[in-house]
Amino acid sequence: MIRQKILAIVVILPVLAAGCAMMPQEAEDPVLVKLNELERRLSAIERMLASGSLIDLTIQTDELQQRTREFQGRIETLEHDATGAVERQRELYADLDMRIQNLERLSRGSTGRLSVLDGGSLAPGQLPVPGGSDRDNYQAAFELLKEQRYEPAAMAFQQFLVSYPDSQLADNAQYWLAESYYVTQQYDLALDEFEKVINNYATSRKVPDALLKVGYCNYELERWNAARRALGRVQADYPDTTAARLAEQRLKRMDSDGQ
C-alpha cells in the first residue's frame, strides 16, 4: 500500500510540473519555487525506492510487530503457568495440613497423651509427627513457629535435629530453633544456636542471616564491640544481600546512639 501511494505521486507530479512549466512565470514565482522543491523531494523518494530502503523499513516494522505479538503470547502463557503453580502449591499445603491432622489423631490414640502439636510436651525420642519423614516433621515444627507457639516450636526443632542430624533441612531447623529463642528474648540461648548455624553449616544459605542475628543478640545483650564485629563481617563477607543492608542500618543506629 505504501509503495502504491508513492508510485502514484511519482506519476502525477511530473505531469503537474510539465503543465506549469508551459505557463509564463517570473524567475521568482513562488509556485515555481514550490514545484522545484517538490521535484527535489520526489527525486529523493525515487532514490529511496530504488535502493529499497522504504520497503526494508516496512518489512522490519512488520517483523517487529510479529515479535511483539509473540512476546505478548509468551507473557500470557507464563502468567497462566504461574497462576497454576500457585494453585498447585495451595493444594499441596492443604494436603500436608490434612495429613498432619490425621497423624495427630493417630498419635493421640496410640499414646493417650497430647503431642507437641497440641501444646503438650515431647517424650524422649518422640517426634511431632510419629512415623513421618524428616520433611513432615520439619514442616510441623515450622507451622508451630508461624503460629507463634514458640516454646513447642523450639522443642520440635530440637527433636528434629536429634532424629535427623543429616537431613538437608538440618541447617534450616537449626536456624529456626535459634529464632524461636530470639523472638522470646532469650538472647543468650539464641546466640549459642545462631553460632551453631555458622560453625556447623558453613555452606548454608542461612549463614548470612545467622551472622546478622549474632550481631543483633550481642546488641540486645549490650556487647557493643561483639555486635559491631558480627555486623561488620556481614557487610564484608556477604555484600549486596538483605542481611548486609540490615547490618548497615543497625550500625548506623549504633553510631547515632553513641554505642
Protein backbone atom coordinates (compact mmCIF):
# COMPACT_ATOMS: atom_id res chain seq x y z
CA MET A 1 0.00 0.00 0.00
CA ILE A 2 2.77 2.47 0.87
CA ARG A 3 4.61 1.65 -2.35
CA GLN A 4 1.45 2.19 -4.47
CA LYS A 5 0.88 5.64 -2.94
CA ILE A 6 4.45 6.65 -3.58
CA LEU A 7 4.30 5.43 -7.20
CA ALA A 8 1.10 7.47 -7.71
CA ILE A 9 2.91 10.57 -6.53
CA VAL A 10 5.81 9.74 -8.87
CA VAL A 11 3.42 9.64 -11.86
CA ILE A 12 1.32 12.73 -11.03
CA LEU A 13 3.96 15.26 -10.00
CA PRO A 14 5.93 15.30 -13.28
CA VAL A 15 2.70 15.97 -15.18
CA LEU A 16 1.87 18.88 -12.93
CA ALA A 17 5.38 20.20 -13.24
CA ALA A 18 5.28 19.98 -17.05
CA GLY A 19 1.94 21.79 -17.25
CA CYS A 20 3.13 24.60 -15.06
CA ALA A 21 6.39 24.91 -16.98
CA MET A 22 4.45 25.89 -20.19
CA MET A 23 2.93 28.87 -18.38
CA PRO A 24 4.84 32.11 -18.37
CA GLN A 25 6.34 32.54 -14.92
CA GLU A 26 8.61 35.03 -13.32
CA ALA A 27 12.04 33.81 -12.13
CA GLU A 28 10.99 34.20 -8.53
CA ASP A 29 7.45 32.85 -8.96
CA PRO A 30 6.62 31.16 -5.60
CA VAL A 31 4.61 28.46 -7.38
CA LEU A 32 7.62 27.53 -9.48
CA VAL A 33 9.83 27.54 -6.39
CA LYS A 34 7.41 25.19 -4.66
CA LEU A 35 7.29 22.88 -7.70
CA ASN A 36 11.06 22.75 -7.82
CA GLU A 37 11.11 21.79 -4.12
CA LEU A 38 8.55 19.08 -4.76
CA GLU A 39 10.65 17.75 -7.64
CA ARG A 40 13.70 17.55 -5.41
CA ARG A 41 11.72 15.70 -2.75
CA LEU A 42 10.25 13.42 -5.39
CA SER A 43 13.73 12.61 -6.65
CA ALA A 44 14.80 11.76 -3.13
CA ILE A 45 11.81 9.44 -2.76
CA GLU A 46 12.61 7.78 -6.10
CA ARG A 47 16.18 7.17 -4.95
CA MET A 48 14.92 5.65 -1.70
CA LEU A 49 12.57 3.41 -3.66
CA ALA A 50 15.37 2.39 -5.99
CA SER A 51 17.56 1.45 -3.02
CA GLY A 52 14.72 -0.44 -1.35
CA SER A 53 15.06 1.49 1.96
CA LEU A 54 11.34 2.11 2.45
CA ILE A 55 10.48 -1.47 1.60
CA ASP A 56 13.11 -2.75 4.04
CA LEU A 57 11.77 -0.42 6.72
CA THR A 58 8.23 -1.67 6.16
CA ILE A 59 9.39 -5.28 6.37
CA GLN A 60 11.32 -4.57 9.57
CA THR A 61 8.24 -2.91 11.09
CA ASP A 62 6.11 -5.93 10.24
CA GLU A 63 8.70 -8.22 11.78
CA LEU A 64 8.81 -6.16 14.99
CA GLN A 65 5.03 -6.22 15.24
CA GLN A 66 5.05 -10.00 14.79
CA ARG A 67 7.69 -10.40 17.51
CA THR A 68 5.66 -8.17 19.83
CA ARG A 69 2.63 -10.38 19.34
CA GLU A 70 4.77 -13.45 20.04
CA PHE A 71 6.15 -11.91 23.25
CA GLN A 72 2.64 -11.00 24.40
CA GLY A 73 1.57 -14.59 23.83
CA ARG A 74 4.52 -15.89 25.84
CA ILE A 75 3.79 -13.48 28.69
CA GLU A 76 0.17 -14.63 28.81
CA THR A 77 1.35 -18.25 28.87
CA LEU A 78 3.79 -17.55 31.73
CA GLU A 79 1.09 -15.73 33.71
CA HIS A 80 -1.21 -18.70 33.25
CA ASP A 81 1.51 -21.14 34.33
CA ALA A 82 2.33 -19.01 37.40
CA THR A 83 -1.32 -18.96 38.44
CA GLY A 84 -1.48 -22.71 38.06
CA ALA A 85 1.67 -23.15 40.15
CA VAL A 86 0.18 -21.09 42.98
CA GLU A 87 -2.97 -23.18 42.92
CA ARG A 88 -0.96 -26.41 42.98
CA GLN A 89 1.09 -25.11 45.91
CA ARG A 90 -2.08 -24.32 47.84
CA GLU A 91 -3.36 -27.81 47.16
CA LEU A 92 -0.09 -29.30 48.42
CA TYR A 93 -0.23 -27.24 51.60
CA ALA A 94 -3.85 -28.27 52.18
CA ASP A 95 -2.92 -31.91 51.63
CA LEU A 96 0.02 -31.66 54.04
CA ASP A 97 -2.15 -30.00 56.66
CA MET A 98 -4.71 -32.77 56.39
CA ARG A 99 -2.01 -35.45 56.67
CA ILE A 100 -0.59 -33.77 59.79
CA GLN A 101 -4.04 -33.64 61.37
CA ASN A 102 -4.55 -37.33 60.66
CA LEU A 103 -1.20 -38.16 62.23
CA GLU A 104 -2.08 -36.05 65.26
CA ARG A 105 -5.23 -38.09 65.79
CA LEU A 106 -3.29 -41.33 65.39
CA SER A 107 -0.68 -40.09 67.86
CA ARG A 108 -3.30 -39.25 70.49
CA GLY A 109 -4.94 -42.61 70.00
CA SER A 110 -1.70 -44.60 70.38
CA THR A 111 -0.05 -42.71 73.23
CA GLY A 112 -3.05 -41.42 75.18
CA ARG A 113 -1.36 -38.02 75.60
CA LEU A 114 -1.20 -34.72 73.81
CA SER A 115 1.62 -34.24 71.30
CA VAL A 116 3.66 -31.07 70.99
CA LEU A 117 1.38 -30.03 68.13
CA ASP A 118 -1.48 -29.82 70.62
CA GLY A 119 0.55 -27.82 73.09
CA GLY A 120 1.81 -30.81 75.05
CA SER A 121 5.36 -31.94 75.61
CA LEU A 122 7.68 -34.34 73.83
CA ALA A 123 8.75 -37.58 75.45
CA PRO A 124 12.38 -38.65 74.85
CA GLY A 125 12.73 -39.73 71.23
CA GLN A 126 9.19 -38.61 70.34
CA LEU A 127 8.66 -36.66 67.14
CA PRO A 128 5.93 -34.11 66.39
CA VAL A 129 4.77 -36.45 63.58
CA PRO A 130 5.48 -40.03 64.65
CA GLY A 131 6.23 -42.18 61.63
CA GLY A 132 6.58 -39.13 59.38
CA SER A 133 9.54 -38.21 57.23
CA ASP A 134 12.10 -35.53 58.04
CA ARG A 135 10.21 -33.11 55.79
CA ASP A 136 6.91 -33.86 57.56
CA ASN A 137 8.46 -33.19 60.96
CA TYR A 138 10.26 -30.06 59.78
CA GLN A 139 7.03 -28.68 58.35
CA ALA A 140 5.16 -29.48 61.57
CA ALA A 141 7.76 -27.60 63.64
CA PHE A 142 7.74 -24.69 61.22
CA GLU A 143 3.95 -24.42 61.40
CA LEU A 144 4.22 -24.10 65.18
CA LEU A 145 6.69 -21.26 64.69
CA LYS A 146 4.41 -19.48 62.22
CA GLU A 147 1.57 -19.78 64.71
CA GLN A 148 3.84 -18.02 67.26
CA ARG A 149 3.83 -21.10 69.50
CA TYR A 150 7.50 -20.59 70.18
CA GLU A 151 8.12 -22.99 73.06
CA PRO A 152 6.66 -26.08 71.36
CA ALA A 153 8.31 -24.98 68.12
CA ALA A 154 11.72 -24.94 69.83
CA MET A 155 11.05 -28.39 71.26
CA ALA A 156 10.04 -29.70 67.85
CA PHE A 157 13.15 -28.31 66.14
CA GLN A 158 15.37 -29.73 68.90
CA GLN A 159 13.85 -33.17 68.43
CA PHE A 160 14.17 -32.85 64.65
CA LEU A 161 17.91 -32.19 64.94
CA VAL A 162 18.31 -35.22 67.21
CA SER A 163 16.32 -37.51 64.93
CA TYR A 164 17.53 -36.21 61.55
CA PRO A 165 21.05 -34.78 62.01
CA ASP A 166 21.95 -35.49 58.36
CA SER A 167 18.76 -34.10 56.83
CA GLN A 168 19.09 -31.49 54.12
CA LEU A 169 16.77 -29.39 56.27
CA ALA A 170 19.01 -29.56 59.36
CA ASP A 171 20.56 -26.12 58.76
CA ASN A 172 17.12 -24.54 58.45
CA ALA A 173 15.93 -26.33 61.57
CA GLN A 174 18.98 -25.07 63.48
CA TYR A 175 18.32 -21.50 62.34
CA TRP A 176 14.64 -21.56 63.29
CA LEU A 177 15.45 -23.11 66.66
CA ALA A 178 17.67 -20.09 67.31
CA GLU A 179 14.97 -17.77 66.00
CA SER A 180 12.39 -19.25 68.39
CA TYR A 181 14.67 -18.19 71.26
CA TYR A 182 15.41 -14.79 69.76
CA VAL A 183 11.77 -13.75 69.38
CA THR A 184 11.13 -14.71 73.00
CA GLN A 185 14.09 -12.51 74.05
CA GLN A 186 16.21 -15.42 75.28
CA TYR A 187 19.25 -13.80 73.71
CA ASP A 188 21.94 -15.93 75.35
CA LEU A 189 20.30 -19.14 74.13
CA ALA A 190 19.62 -17.64 70.72
CA LEU A 191 23.24 -16.50 70.38
CA ASP A 192 24.55 -20.02 71.01
CA GLU A 193 22.15 -21.55 68.48
CA PHE A 194 22.84 -18.95 65.77
CA GLU A 195 26.56 -19.58 66.17
CA LYS A 196 25.92 -23.29 65.57
CA VAL A 197 24.44 -22.40 62.18
CA ILE A 198 27.66 -20.57 61.28
CA ASN A 199 30.03 -23.21 62.67
CA ASN A 200 28.20 -26.42 61.73
CA TYR A 201 26.65 -25.43 58.39
CA ALA A 202 29.24 -23.14 56.83
CA THR A 203 27.86 -23.51 53.29
CA SER A 204 24.23 -22.94 54.24
CA ARG A 205 22.26 -20.06 52.78
CA LYS A 206 21.19 -19.29 56.34
CA VAL A 207 24.71 -18.25 57.40
CA PRO A 208 24.39 -14.53 56.45
CA ASP A 209 21.11 -14.25 58.37
CA ALA A 210 22.52 -16.20 61.32
CA LEU A 211 25.57 -13.90 61.45
CA LEU A 212 23.26 -10.88 61.35
CA LYS A 213 21.31 -12.29 64.30
CA VAL A 214 24.56 -12.89 66.19
CA GLY A 215 25.10 -9.16 65.86
CA TYR A 216 21.53 -8.46 66.98
CA CYS A 217 21.84 -10.76 70.01
CA ASN A 218 25.05 -9.08 71.13
CA TYR A 219 23.36 -5.72 70.60
CA GLU A 220 20.48 -6.70 72.88
CA LEU A 221 23.00 -8.01 75.43
CA GLU A 222 24.81 -4.64 75.19
CA ARG A 223 28.01 -6.25 73.99
CA TRP A 224 28.69 -3.41 71.60
CA ASN A 225 32.10 -4.48 70.29
CA ALA A 226 30.96 -8.03 69.58
CA ALA A 227 27.86 -6.67 67.85
CA ARG A 228 29.96 -4.39 65.64
CA ARG A 229 32.31 -7.25 64.71
CA ALA A 230 29.44 -9.51 63.66
CA LEU A 231 27.60 -6.80 61.74
CA GLY A 232 30.81 -5.67 60.03
CA ARG A 233 31.53 -9.24 59.00
CA VAL A 234 28.09 -9.50 57.40
CA GLN A 235 28.87 -6.44 55.28
CA ALA A 236 32.35 -7.68 54.35
CA ASP A 237 31.54 -11.34 53.62
CA TYR A 238 28.04 -11.02 52.18
CA PRO A 239 27.74 -7.66 50.38
CA ASP A 240 24.69 -6.89 48.24
CA THR A 241 22.44 -9.03 50.44
CA THR A 242 19.45 -8.10 52.56
CA ALA A 243 21.43 -9.14 55.63
CA ALA A 244 24.19 -6.68 54.71
CA ARG A 245 21.71 -3.82 54.31
CA LEU A 246 20.14 -4.61 57.68
CA ALA A 247 23.59 -4.77 59.26
CA GLU A 248 24.36 -1.33 57.86
CA GLN A 249 21.14 0.07 59.32
CA ARG A 250 21.90 -1.33 62.76
CA LEU A 251 25.47 0.02 62.67
CA LYS A 252 24.13 3.49 61.76
CA ARG A 253 21.72 3.24 64.67
CA MET A 254 24.59 2.36 66.99
CA ASP A 255 26.58 5.31 65.69
CA SER A 256 23.70 7.71 66.29
CA ASP A 257 23.20 6.30 69.80
CA GLY A 258 26.92 6.56 70.57
CA GLN A 259 27.33 2.83 71.15
